[in-house]
Protein backbone atom coordinates (compact mmCIF):
# COMPACT_ATOMS: atom_id res chain seq x y z
CA UNK A 1 90.11 38.57 -85.39
CA UNK A 2 92.78 37.72 -87.80
CA UNK A 3 94.42 40.10 -90.26
CA UNK A 4 91.71 42.68 -89.53
CA UNK A 5 88.80 40.24 -90.06
CA UNK A 6 86.32 38.70 -87.57
CA UNK A 7 85.74 34.96 -87.41
CA UNK A 8 82.93 33.21 -85.52
CA UNK A 9 83.54 31.50 -82.16
CA UNK A 10 82.83 27.78 -81.73
CA UNK A 11 81.76 26.20 -78.35
CA UNK A 12 81.58 22.53 -77.45
CA UNK A 13 78.22 20.91 -78.04
CA UNK A 14 78.03 19.77 -74.41
CA UNK A 15 77.90 23.33 -73.11
CA UNK A 16 74.69 24.04 -74.91
CA UNK A 17 73.14 20.86 -73.61
CA UNK A 18 73.80 21.76 -69.95
CA UNK A 19 72.36 25.21 -70.39
CA UNK A 20 69.28 23.74 -72.03
CA UNK A 21 68.64 21.27 -69.18
CA UNK A 22 69.02 23.97 -66.52
CA UNK A 23 66.52 26.20 -68.21
CA UNK A 24 63.77 23.55 -68.60
CA UNK A 25 63.99 22.09 -65.01
CA UNK A 26 63.52 25.35 -62.97
CA UNK A 27 59.95 26.94 -62.73
CA UNK A 28 59.68 30.47 -63.71
CA UNK A 29 59.76 32.82 -60.70
CA UNK A 30 56.59 34.99 -60.06
CA UNK A 31 56.75 38.66 -59.82
CA UNK A 32 55.47 39.77 -56.41
CA UNK A 33 53.91 42.78 -58.03
CA UNK A 34 51.85 40.71 -60.41
CA UNK A 35 48.06 41.18 -59.82
CA UNK A 36 46.02 37.97 -58.67
CA UNK A 37 43.42 36.42 -60.93
CA UNK A 38 39.82 37.66 -60.57
CA UNK A 39 38.61 34.10 -60.09
CA UNK A 40 40.92 33.65 -57.05
CA UNK A 41 39.54 36.88 -55.54
CA UNK A 42 35.97 35.65 -56.01
CA UNK A 43 36.73 32.34 -54.34
CA UNK A 44 38.32 34.11 -51.36
CA UNK A 45 35.32 36.47 -50.98
CA UNK A 46 32.83 33.59 -51.20
CA UNK A 47 34.62 31.62 -48.52
CA UNK A 48 34.76 34.57 -46.20
CA UNK A 49 31.09 35.38 -46.70
CA UNK A 50 30.15 31.79 -45.84
CA UNK A 51 32.13 31.94 -42.66
CA UNK A 52 30.44 35.20 -41.63
CA UNK A 53 26.99 33.84 -42.41
CA UNK A 54 27.69 30.70 -40.47
CA UNK A 55 28.80 32.65 -37.45
CA UNK A 56 25.72 34.88 -37.67
CA UNK A 57 23.47 31.83 -37.82
CA UNK A 58 25.11 30.31 -34.76
CA UNK A 59 24.70 33.53 -32.88
CA UNK A 60 21.00 33.80 -33.92
CA UNK A 61 20.25 30.25 -32.88
CA UNK A 62 22.05 30.77 -29.63
CA UNK A 63 20.03 33.82 -28.91
CA UNK A 64 16.79 31.92 -29.68
CA UNK A 65 17.77 29.06 -27.44
CA UNK A 66 18.63 31.42 -24.59
CA UNK A 67 15.14 31.66 -22.99
CA UNK A 68 14.77 34.86 -20.93
CA UNK A 69 11.41 33.75 -19.46
CA UNK A 70 11.28 31.72 -16.27
CA UNK A 71 10.98 28.01 -16.94
CA UNK A 72 8.46 25.78 -15.34
CA UNK A 73 9.76 22.63 -13.70
CA UNK A 74 8.51 19.21 -14.80
CA UNK A 75 5.32 18.33 -12.95
CA UNK A 76 4.61 21.93 -11.95
CA UNK A 77 0.90 22.85 -12.00
CA UNK A 78 -0.01 26.37 -13.07
CA UNK A 79 -3.38 27.82 -12.04
CA UNK A 80 -4.53 30.67 -14.26
CA UNK A 81 -6.82 33.42 -12.93
CA UNK A 82 -9.12 33.43 -15.95
CA UNK A 83 -11.38 30.81 -17.50
CA UNK A 84 -11.73 29.95 -21.15
CA UNK A 85 -14.55 27.89 -22.64
CA UNK A 86 -14.25 24.17 -22.11
CA UNK A 87 -12.83 22.16 -25.04
CA UNK A 88 -15.45 20.85 -27.42
CA UNK A 89 -14.21 17.29 -26.85
CA UNK A 90 -14.53 17.40 -23.05
CA UNK A 91 -16.49 14.50 -21.52
CA UNK A 92 -18.54 13.91 -18.39
CA UNK A 93 -17.70 11.50 -15.61
CA UNK A 94 -19.96 10.72 -12.62
CA UNK A 95 -18.77 11.23 -9.07
CA UNK A 96 -20.70 10.26 -5.91
CA UNK A 97 -21.60 13.90 -5.27
CA UNK A 98 -22.40 14.80 -8.91
CA UNK A 99 -21.16 14.78 -12.50
CA UNK A 100 -18.10 16.71 -13.62
CA UNK A 101 -16.90 17.64 -17.07
CA UNK A 102 -13.26 16.75 -17.81
CA UNK A 103 -11.07 17.85 -20.78
CA UNK A 104 -7.44 17.39 -21.73
CA UNK A 105 -5.66 19.36 -24.43
CA UNK A 106 -2.71 18.56 -26.65
CA UNK A 107 0.88 19.36 -25.72
CA UNK A 108 1.94 22.90 -26.56
CA UNK A 109 4.92 25.21 -26.06
CA UNK A 110 2.93 28.24 -25.10
CA UNK A 111 0.20 29.23 -22.67
CA UNK A 112 -2.33 31.63 -24.27
CA UNK A 113 -2.02 35.31 -23.38
CA UNK A 114 -5.58 35.26 -22.02
CA UNK A 115 -4.23 33.36 -19.06
CA UNK A 116 -2.30 36.38 -17.85
CA UNK A 117 1.13 36.14 -16.22
CA UNK A 118 1.33 32.41 -16.81
CA UNK A 119 1.67 33.04 -20.55
CA UNK A 120 5.12 34.51 -19.73
CA UNK A 121 6.31 31.17 -18.32
CA UNK A 122 8.36 28.90 -20.59
CA UNK A 123 7.92 25.13 -20.61
CA UNK A 124 10.67 22.87 -19.17
CA UNK A 125 13.77 22.52 -21.31
CA UNK A 126 12.68 20.17 -24.11
CA UNK A 127 9.22 19.93 -22.55
CA UNK A 128 5.75 21.35 -23.07
CA UNK A 129 2.45 22.26 -21.36
CA UNK A 130 -0.86 20.34 -21.29
CA UNK A 131 -4.14 21.98 -20.34
CA UNK A 132 -6.52 20.03 -18.06
CA UNK A 133 -10.08 21.17 -17.23
CA UNK A 134 -12.49 19.97 -14.58
CA UNK A 135 -15.75 21.63 -13.56
CA UNK A 136 -19.14 20.54 -12.20
CA UNK A 137 -21.63 19.58 -14.91
CA UNK A 138 -25.22 20.78 -14.74
CA UNK A 139 -27.90 18.19 -13.91
CA UNK A 140 -31.52 18.41 -14.98
CA UNK A 141 -32.97 17.42 -11.58
CA UNK A 142 -30.70 19.48 -9.38
CA UNK A 143 -28.18 18.12 -6.86
CA UNK A 144 -27.54 14.43 -6.38
CA UNK A 145 -27.95 13.09 -2.81
CA UNK A 146 -24.60 12.26 -1.18
CA UNK A 147 -24.96 9.45 1.33
CA UNK A 148 -22.24 9.17 4.05
CA UNK A 149 -21.99 7.13 7.21
CA UNK A 150 -19.55 9.47 8.89
CA UNK A 151 -18.87 13.15 9.26
CA UNK A 152 -16.82 14.73 7.78
CA UNK A 153 -16.96 12.86 4.50
CA UNK A 154 -14.04 10.62 3.60
CA UNK A 155 -14.42 10.63 -0.18
CA UNK A 156 -12.25 12.73 -2.46
CA UNK A 157 -11.28 12.62 -6.11
CA UNK A 158 -7.68 12.21 -7.21
CA UNK A 159 -6.98 13.80 -10.61
CA UNK A 160 -3.94 12.58 -12.56
CA UNK A 161 -2.68 13.50 -16.02
CA UNK A 162 -0.85 10.62 -17.81
CA UNK A 163 1.39 11.54 -20.74
CA UNK A 164 3.03 8.65 -22.65
CA UNK A 165 2.79 6.55 -19.51
CA UNK A 166 4.20 9.16 -17.11
CA UNK A 167 1.85 10.29 -14.34
CA UNK A 168 1.49 13.92 -13.24
CA UNK A 169 -0.76 14.27 -10.19
CA UNK A 170 -2.92 17.38 -10.05
CA UNK A 171 -3.22 17.67 -6.31
CA UNK A 172 -2.05 20.29 -3.86
CA UNK A 173 -3.30 23.83 -3.38
CA UNK A 174 -3.01 24.66 -7.10
CA UNK A 175 -4.40 21.33 -8.29
CA UNK A 176 -7.84 20.05 -9.33
CA UNK A 177 -8.68 17.99 -6.27
CA UNK A 178 -12.41 17.94 -5.47
CA UNK A 179 -14.58 16.40 -2.78
CA UNK A 180 -18.21 16.47 -1.59
CA UNK A 181 -17.55 19.61 0.46
CA UNK A 182 -15.71 21.20 -2.45
CA UNK A 183 -17.13 19.88 -5.71
CA UNK A 184 -15.39 22.54 -7.80
CA UNK A 185 -11.71 23.35 -8.07
CA UNK A 186 -10.45 26.38 -6.27
CA UNK A 187 -10.39 29.34 -8.64
CA UNK A 188 -10.42 28.71 -12.40
CA UNK A 189 -11.43 25.29 -13.74
CA UNK A 190 -8.28 25.04 -15.92
CA UNK A 191 -4.79 23.97 -15.00
CA UNK A 192 -1.63 23.86 -17.11
CA UNK A 193 0.77 21.01 -16.36
CA UNK A 194 4.49 21.20 -17.27
CA UNK A 195 5.64 17.89 -18.69
CA UNK A 196 8.61 16.21 -20.38
CA UNK A 197 8.76 16.17 -24.14
CA UNK A 198 5.82 16.57 -26.48
CA UNK A 199 3.73 13.39 -26.00
CA UNK A 200 0.59 12.62 -27.97
CA UNK A 201 -0.83 9.86 -25.73
CA UNK A 202 -2.61 11.98 -23.14
CA UNK A 203 -5.42 11.13 -20.67
CA UNK A 204 -6.82 12.28 -17.36
CA UNK A 205 -8.02 9.88 -14.70
CA UNK A 206 -10.41 10.81 -11.87
CA UNK A 207 -10.30 8.24 -9.05
CA UNK A 208 -12.59 7.90 -6.04
CA UNK A 209 -11.96 5.03 -3.57
CA UNK A 210 -9.68 3.15 -6.04
CA UNK A 211 -12.28 3.27 -8.87
CA UNK A 212 -11.07 5.43 -11.75
CA UNK A 213 -12.79 7.05 -14.74
CA UNK A 214 -10.58 8.09 -17.68
CA UNK A 215 -10.93 10.81 -20.34
CA UNK A 216 -8.41 10.92 -23.18
CA UNK A 217 -7.28 13.73 -25.43
CA UNK A 218 -9.94 12.82 -28.06
CA UNK A 219 -12.76 12.99 -25.48
CA UNK A 220 -13.24 9.23 -25.25
CA UNK A 221 -14.28 8.21 -21.72
CA UNK A 222 -14.09 5.03 -19.67
CA UNK A 223 -16.37 5.18 -16.64
CA UNK A 224 -16.19 1.68 -15.20
CA UNK A 225 -18.31 1.32 -12.06
CA UNK A 226 -18.78 5.08 -11.99
CA UNK A 227 -21.28 4.71 -14.87
CA UNK A 228 -23.87 3.35 -12.39
CA UNK A 229 -23.84 6.71 -10.58
CA UNK A 230 -25.65 8.15 -13.56
CA UNK A 231 -28.72 6.13 -12.52
CA UNK A 232 -28.89 7.65 -9.03
CA UNK A 233 -31.93 9.98 -8.94
CA UNK A 234 -31.58 13.63 -8.18
CA UNK A 235 -33.07 15.23 -5.08
CA UNK A 236 -35.84 16.70 -7.19
CA UNK A 237 -36.67 13.34 -8.75
CA UNK A 238 -36.80 11.80 -5.26
CA UNK A 239 -39.21 14.45 -4.11
CA UNK A 240 -41.51 13.84 -7.06
CA UNK A 241 -41.74 10.07 -6.71
CA UNK A 242 -41.39 9.58 -2.93
CA UNK A 243 -44.57 9.19 -0.94
CA UNK A 244 -44.38 8.69 2.80
CA UNK A 245 -45.94 5.40 3.82
CA UNK A 246 -46.87 4.31 7.39
CA UNK A 247 -44.75 1.64 8.90
CA UNK A 248 -47.66 -0.77 9.18
CA UNK A 249 -49.10 -2.89 11.98
CA UNK A 250 -47.49 -2.60 15.42
CA UNK A 251 -46.17 -5.36 17.66
CA UNK A 252 -44.87 -4.89 21.19
CA UNK A 253 -42.37 -7.04 23.10
CA UNK A 254 -40.04 -6.81 26.05
CA UNK A 255 -40.63 -5.91 29.68
CA UNK A 256 -44.10 -6.40 31.08
CA UNK A 257 -43.65 -3.54 33.58
CA UNK A 258 -44.14 -0.91 30.93
CA UNK A 259 -46.27 -0.70 27.83
CA UNK A 260 -47.36 1.81 25.18
CA UNK A 261 -51.11 2.28 25.08
CA UNK A 262 -52.78 2.07 21.68
CA UNK A 263 -53.68 5.73 21.94
CA UNK A 264 -50.02 6.58 22.59
CA UNK A 265 -48.46 4.58 19.75
CA UNK A 266 -45.95 6.89 18.05
CA UNK A 267 -46.12 7.68 14.36
CA UNK A 268 -43.65 5.84 12.08
CA UNK A 269 -43.15 6.09 8.33
CA UNK A 270 -40.76 5.34 5.46
CA UNK A 271 -40.33 8.64 3.65
CA UNK A 272 -37.91 7.80 0.82
CA UNK A 273 -35.60 5.13 -0.57
CA UNK A 274 -33.10 4.81 -3.38
CA UNK A 275 -30.29 2.66 -4.72
CA UNK A 276 -26.69 3.70 -5.33
CA UNK A 277 -23.38 1.93 -6.03
CA UNK A 278 -21.40 4.11 -3.58
CA UNK A 279 -21.82 5.24 0.04
CA UNK A 280 -19.11 7.36 1.64
CA UNK A 281 -17.65 5.46 4.61
CA UNK A 282 -18.56 2.07 3.06
CA UNK A 283 -17.06 2.62 -0.39
CA UNK A 284 -18.26 0.79 -3.46
CA UNK A 285 -20.71 -2.03 -3.10
CA UNK A 286 -19.42 -5.54 -3.77
CA UNK A 287 -19.54 -6.90 -7.31
CA UNK A 288 -23.12 -7.62 -8.31
CA UNK A 289 -24.37 -5.62 -5.34
CA UNK A 290 -25.59 -2.09 -4.65
CA UNK A 291 -26.79 -0.14 -1.69
CA UNK A 292 -30.40 0.36 -0.68
CA UNK A 293 -30.77 3.56 1.31
CA UNK A 294 -33.94 3.85 3.40
CA UNK A 295 -34.97 7.08 5.10
CA UNK A 296 -37.54 6.73 7.90
CA UNK A 297 -38.89 8.96 10.62
CA UNK A 298 -40.71 8.47 13.95
CA UNK A 299 -42.29 10.41 16.80
CA UNK A 300 -40.38 11.30 19.90
CA UNK A 301 -41.11 11.44 22.83
CA UNK A 302 -43.04 8.22 23.38
CA UNK A 303 -45.45 7.99 26.27
CA UNK A 304 -44.94 4.84 28.36
CA UNK A 305 -47.34 3.54 30.93
CA UNK A 306 -46.16 1.50 33.95
CA UNK A 307 -48.05 -1.39 35.53
CA UNK A 308 -47.70 0.27 38.91
CA UNK A 309 -49.20 3.57 37.80
CA UNK A 310 -45.81 5.24 38.31
CA UNK A 311 -44.66 7.79 35.75
CA UNK A 312 -41.97 6.62 33.32
CA UNK A 313 -39.66 8.42 30.86
CA UNK A 314 -38.58 6.55 27.69
CA UNK A 315 -35.60 7.13 25.44
CA UNK A 316 -36.22 5.73 21.90
CA UNK A 317 -33.75 4.41 19.35
CA UNK A 318 -34.85 3.24 15.91
CA UNK A 319 -33.21 0.18 14.35
CA UNK A 320 -33.92 -1.80 11.16
CA UNK A 321 -33.59 -5.22 9.48
CA UNK A 322 -34.02 -5.98 5.79
CA UNK A 323 -35.21 -9.53 5.25
CA UNK A 324 -33.64 -10.31 8.62
CA UNK A 325 -30.21 -8.76 7.75
CA UNK A 326 -28.72 -5.89 9.73
CA UNK A 327 -27.81 -2.68 7.87
CA UNK A 328 -24.29 -2.03 6.72
CA UNK A 329 -24.52 1.36 8.41
CA UNK A 330 -26.67 4.36 8.96
CA UNK A 331 -26.33 7.89 7.78
CA UNK A 332 -24.38 10.08 10.18
CA UNK A 333 -26.50 12.43 12.22
CA UNK A 334 -29.80 11.26 10.69
CA UNK A 335 -31.11 14.12 8.60
CA UNK A 336 -33.09 14.20 5.42
CA UNK A 337 -30.13 13.10 3.23
CA UNK A 338 -32.50 11.96 0.45
CA UNK A 339 -33.97 15.42 0.28
CA UNK A 340 -37.44 14.52 1.54
CA UNK A 341 -38.68 15.98 4.84
CA UNK A 342 -39.54 13.43 7.46
CA UNK A 343 -43.17 12.91 8.28
CA UNK A 344 -42.26 12.86 11.91
CA UNK A 345 -39.74 14.75 14.06
CA UNK A 346 -36.83 12.31 14.21
CA UNK A 347 -35.18 10.86 11.11
CA UNK A 348 -32.98 7.80 10.71
CA UNK A 349 -31.52 6.57 7.39
CA UNK A 350 -30.26 3.05 6.99
CA UNK A 351 -27.97 1.52 4.37
CA UNK A 352 -28.31 -2.10 3.26
CA UNK A 353 -26.35 -4.02 0.61
CA UNK A 354 -28.66 -5.79 -1.89
CA UNK A 355 -28.34 -7.59 -5.25
CA UNK A 356 -28.34 -5.21 -8.25
CA UNK A 357 -31.80 -4.61 -9.70
CA UNK A 358 -33.48 -7.35 -7.70
CA UNK A 359 -36.50 -6.93 -5.47
CA UNK A 360 -35.93 -6.87 -1.72
CA UNK A 361 -37.54 -8.60 1.18
CA UNK A 362 -39.61 -6.96 3.90
CA UNK A 363 -38.18 -4.15 6.03
CA UNK A 364 -38.61 -4.43 9.80
CA UNK A 365 -38.34 -1.26 11.87
CA UNK A 366 -37.79 -1.60 15.64
CA UNK A 367 -38.25 1.30 18.00
CA UNK A 368 -36.38 0.26 21.13
CA UNK A 369 -37.48 2.11 24.31
CA UNK A 370 -35.41 2.34 27.45
CA UNK A 371 -37.74 3.45 30.22
CA UNK A 372 -36.81 4.70 33.70
CA UNK A 373 -39.00 5.96 36.52
CA UNK A 374 -39.58 9.63 36.49
CA UNK A 375 -38.96 9.82 40.24
CA UNK A 376 -35.14 9.71 40.66
CA UNK A 377 -35.47 8.25 44.16
CA UNK A 378 -37.27 5.16 42.85
CA UNK A 379 -35.57 2.06 41.53
CA UNK A 380 -33.31 3.35 38.73
CA UNK A 381 -33.01 0.07 36.81
CA UNK A 382 -34.34 0.65 33.22
CA UNK A 383 -37.10 -1.37 31.58
CA UNK A 384 -36.89 -2.12 27.90
CA UNK A 385 -39.80 -2.27 25.48
CA UNK A 386 -39.69 -2.81 21.67
CA UNK A 387 -42.22 -1.51 19.14
CA UNK A 388 -41.95 -3.31 15.81
CA UNK A 389 -43.37 -2.56 12.33
CA UNK A 390 -43.10 -4.41 9.03
CA UNK A 391 -42.87 -2.57 5.71
CA UNK A 392 -43.39 -4.69 2.57
CA UNK A 393 -40.35 -4.82 0.34
CA UNK A 394 -42.43 -3.97 -2.70
CA UNK A 395 -42.76 -0.38 -1.46
CA UNK A 396 -38.97 0.18 -1.49
CA UNK A 397 -36.73 1.27 -4.34
């Protein structure tokens, strides 16, 4: 102010330049009390919700994967107490003691509730269950004759489930093993097998003496040599077509000290015969062959007359030859295994191996007698006499 008047102040130009640079280079400071943008709040809430939902999904999946039911182990066989109808695509295979129906289901994670407590069992971790059925099939003519050369029988069926090449045997007390003495599984005819994974290539094999028959999940069946068992006649069919025929003309040979008078010739007959591809104790006939089973009967005792008028006691044993060949074996314990009663008191059944579907030669039956004096103080050396008959091959099966 000069002389009572005000005058404007003047600053250097550089000062204004510095102030201007300082102001444009520093960002404006934010007021902590300033409210956030609604869009930022929405983004935050969305992110939090996604995290919560993800955690809930993980917990839910974890609870579902935590199985509170007991798990079956791979290969375990479960035997339900109840039966359900056989699958519509089940198929029949033929065993030496009769036909059986076999079925195999698809892999599943659950056993139906109708099977009781087993429905509460979970499959193996990552695995599944497969249902297998086996039960005797009805036959029009009744039972099939089972021919065996030893007692007890040796034959039994091994049942195996194969899933994508992995085998699961169905044996043991809970399995499906069957045999002539037990042609049906114990308890229900179904079994549930715990397996790995969820395979689609499924089949069941039933094997007797190394010959297997296979049924797959679609019901297709491969019988192999077992197919020939379908041609074996039933016991009822044998009764209807079998007619006992006398053994034929008699010839005697052997010791001259004893003989059988014409009036004392014992009765002898062939009561039944049949063909079969399998005989228990002998197994399957050789390729191109089958077994001819001949059931015959004869009278015992046989009266023997000695040249010295002494009394003799004879013990008989029946033997046979087919076209000169000895039998492969004879049925254990005799008996009417072919279901036809013997015309005479004692029965012997012989087994020969013959070409398939070809006629046979003549059958020779030999009744060998071992005779000893009735008086025990006489010479105890036995005398042997043979009675022989010839049966034409045309009268055999």
